[in-house]
């Protein structure tokens, strides 16, 4: 039997806050303060992967995670 990894799920998801000018809320050391959801049911997250094609994913290499997250977050500000 051939294993095909064609299903996608969320491993972790974090959020950040920003003001009307696009300035992120920062920690004392200047890094972006990250948040997670409280343990509540949030429907949009449940359906996030429903139609996600695995071909849209790219593997995160070691030490690349933080760089990727910082650059990706900037796309939405």
C-alpha atoms as a PDB file:
ATOM      1  CA  UNK A   1       0.000   0.000   0.000  1.00  0.00           C
ATOM      2  CA  UNK A   2       1.416   3.344  -1.069  1.00  0.00           C
ATOM      3  CA  UNK A   3       1.304   6.202   1.450  1.00  0.00           C
ATOM      4  CA  UNK A   4       0.163   9.402  -0.176  1.00  0.00           C
ATOM      5  CA  UNK A   5       0.093  12.453   2.030  1.00  0.00           C
ATOM      6  CA  UNK A   6      -2.696  14.356   0.320  1.00  0.00           C
ATOM      7  CA  UNK A   7      -4.436  15.718   3.416  1.00  0.00           C
ATOM      8  CA  UNK A   8      -3.513  18.964   5.130  1.00  0.00           C
ATOM      9  CA  UNK A   9      -4.073  20.052   8.742  1.00  0.00           C
ATOM     10  CA  UNK A  10      -2.902  22.951  10.885  1.00  0.00           C
ATOM     11  CA  UNK A  11       0.083  22.309  13.103  1.00  0.00           C
ATOM     12  CA  UNK A  12       0.057  25.683  14.829  1.00  0.00           C
ATOM     13  CA  UNK A  13      -1.271  29.104  14.129  1.00  0.00           C
ATOM     14  CA  UNK A  14      -0.358  32.376  15.786  1.00  0.00           C
ATOM     15  CA  UNK A  15      -1.596  35.924  15.446  1.00  0.00           C
ATOM     16  CA  UNK A  16      -0.166  39.376  16.000  1.00  0.00           C
ATOM     17  CA  UNK A  17      -1.777  42.734  16.684  1.00  0.00           C
ATOM     18  CA  UNK A  18      -1.102  45.985  14.865  1.00  0.00           C
ATOM     19  CA  UNK A  19      -2.409  49.530  14.928  1.00  0.00           C
ATOM     20  CA  UNK A  20      -4.069  51.548  12.151  1.00  0.00           C
ATOM     21  CA  UNK A  21      -0.659  52.572  10.782  1.00  0.00           C
ATOM     22  CA  UNK A  22       0.518  48.946  10.499  1.00  0.00           C
ATOM     23  CA  UNK A  23       2.862  49.015  13.503  1.00  0.00           C
ATOM     24  CA  UNK A  24       3.034  45.620  15.177  1.00  0.00           C
ATOM     25  CA  UNK A  25       2.688  45.244  18.938  1.00  0.00           C
ATOM     26  CA  UNK A  26       6.175  44.329  20.135  1.00  0.00           C
ATOM     27  CA  UNK A  27       7.786  42.645  23.114  1.00  0.00           C
ATOM     28  CA  UNK A  28      10.334  44.593  25.161  1.00  0.00           C
ATOM     29  CA  UNK A  29      13.150  43.063  23.061  1.00  0.00           C
ATOM     30  CA  UNK A  30      11.617  44.370  19.802  1.00  0.00           C
ATOM     31  CA  UNK A  31      10.266  41.070  18.515  1.00  0.00           C
ATOM     32  CA  UNK A  32       6.662  40.847  17.403  1.00  0.00           C
ATOM     33  CA  UNK A  33       4.344  39.784  20.224  1.00  0.00           C
ATOM     34  CA  UNK A  34       2.490  36.626  19.180  1.00  0.00           C
ATOM     35  CA  UNK A  35      -0.902  35.402  20.334  1.00  0.00           C
ATOM     36  CA  UNK A  36      -2.886  32.179  20.094  1.00  0.00           C
ATOM     37  CA  UNK A  37      -6.594  31.519  20.242  1.00  0.00           C
ATOM     38  CA  UNK A  38      -8.239  30.793  23.535  1.00  0.00           C
ATOM     39  CA  UNK A  39      -9.774  27.310  23.618  1.00  0.00           C
ATOM     40  CA  UNK A  40     -12.915  28.284  21.719  1.00  0.00           C
ATOM     41  CA  UNK A  41     -14.530  26.970  18.561  1.00  0.00           C
ATOM     42  CA  UNK A  42     -13.685  29.337  15.714  1.00  0.00           C
ATOM     43  CA  UNK A  43     -15.343  28.164  12.498  1.00  0.00           C
ATOM     44  CA  UNK A  44     -13.075  29.950   9.955  1.00  0.00           C
ATOM     45  CA  UNK A  45     -10.057  28.064  11.341  1.00  0.00           C
ATOM     46  CA  UNK A  46     -11.898  24.748  11.092  1.00  0.00           C
ATOM     47  CA  UNK A  47     -12.396  25.220   7.357  1.00  0.00           C
ATOM     48  CA  UNK A  48      -8.997  26.740   6.582  1.00  0.00           C
ATOM     49  CA  UNK A  49      -7.551  23.523   5.136  1.00  0.00           C
ATOM     50  CA  UNK A  50     -10.727  22.145   3.598  1.00  0.00           C
ATOM     51  CA  UNK A  51      -9.840  22.925  -0.027  1.00  0.00           C
ATOM     52  CA  UNK A  52      -6.117  23.513   0.400  1.00  0.00           C
ATOM     53  CA  UNK A  53      -4.109  21.741  -2.273  1.00  0.00           C
ATOM     54  CA  UNK A  54      -0.987  20.102  -0.758  1.00  0.00           C
ATOM     55  CA  UNK A  55       0.958  21.460  -3.739  1.00  0.00           C
ATOM     56  CA  UNK A  56       0.612  24.964  -2.235  1.00  0.00           C
ATOM     57  CA  UNK A  57       2.781  23.960   0.724  1.00  0.00           C
ATOM     58  CA  UNK A  58       6.526  24.382   1.042  1.00  0.00           C
ATOM     59  CA  UNK A  59       8.577  22.612   3.700  1.00  0.00           C
ATOM     60  CA  UNK A  60      10.044  24.810   6.426  1.00  0.00           C
ATOM     61  CA  UNK A  61      13.743  24.079   6.764  1.00  0.00           C
ATOM     62  CA  UNK A  62      15.649  24.334  10.048  1.00  0.00           C
ATOM     63  CA  UNK A  63      16.181  27.957  11.183  1.00  0.00           C
ATOM     64  CA  UNK A  64      13.947  29.159   8.368  1.00  0.00           C
ATOM     65  CA  UNK A  65      10.748  29.130  10.409  1.00  0.00           C
ATOM     66  CA  UNK A  66      11.062  32.520  12.134  1.00  0.00           C
ATOM     67  CA  UNK A  67      12.349  34.283   9.019  1.00  0.00           C
ATOM     68  CA  UNK A  68       9.473  32.902   6.960  1.00  0.00           C
ATOM     69  CA  UNK A  69       6.857  33.848   9.554  1.00  0.00           C
ATOM     70  CA  UNK A  70       8.144  37.427   9.857  1.00  0.00           C
ATOM     71  CA  UNK A  71       8.169  37.928   6.055  1.00  0.00           C
ATOM     72  CA  UNK A  72       4.813  36.209   5.553  1.00  0.00           C
ATOM     73  CA  UNK A  73       3.122  38.301   8.245  1.00  0.00           C
ATOM     74  CA  UNK A  74       4.290  41.509   6.556  1.00  0.00           C
ATOM     75  CA  UNK A  75       2.256  40.536   3.465  1.00  0.00           C
ATOM     76  CA  UNK A  76      -0.982  41.115   5.352  1.00  0.00           C
ATOM     77  CA  UNK A  77      -0.227  44.494   6.906  1.00  0.00           C
END
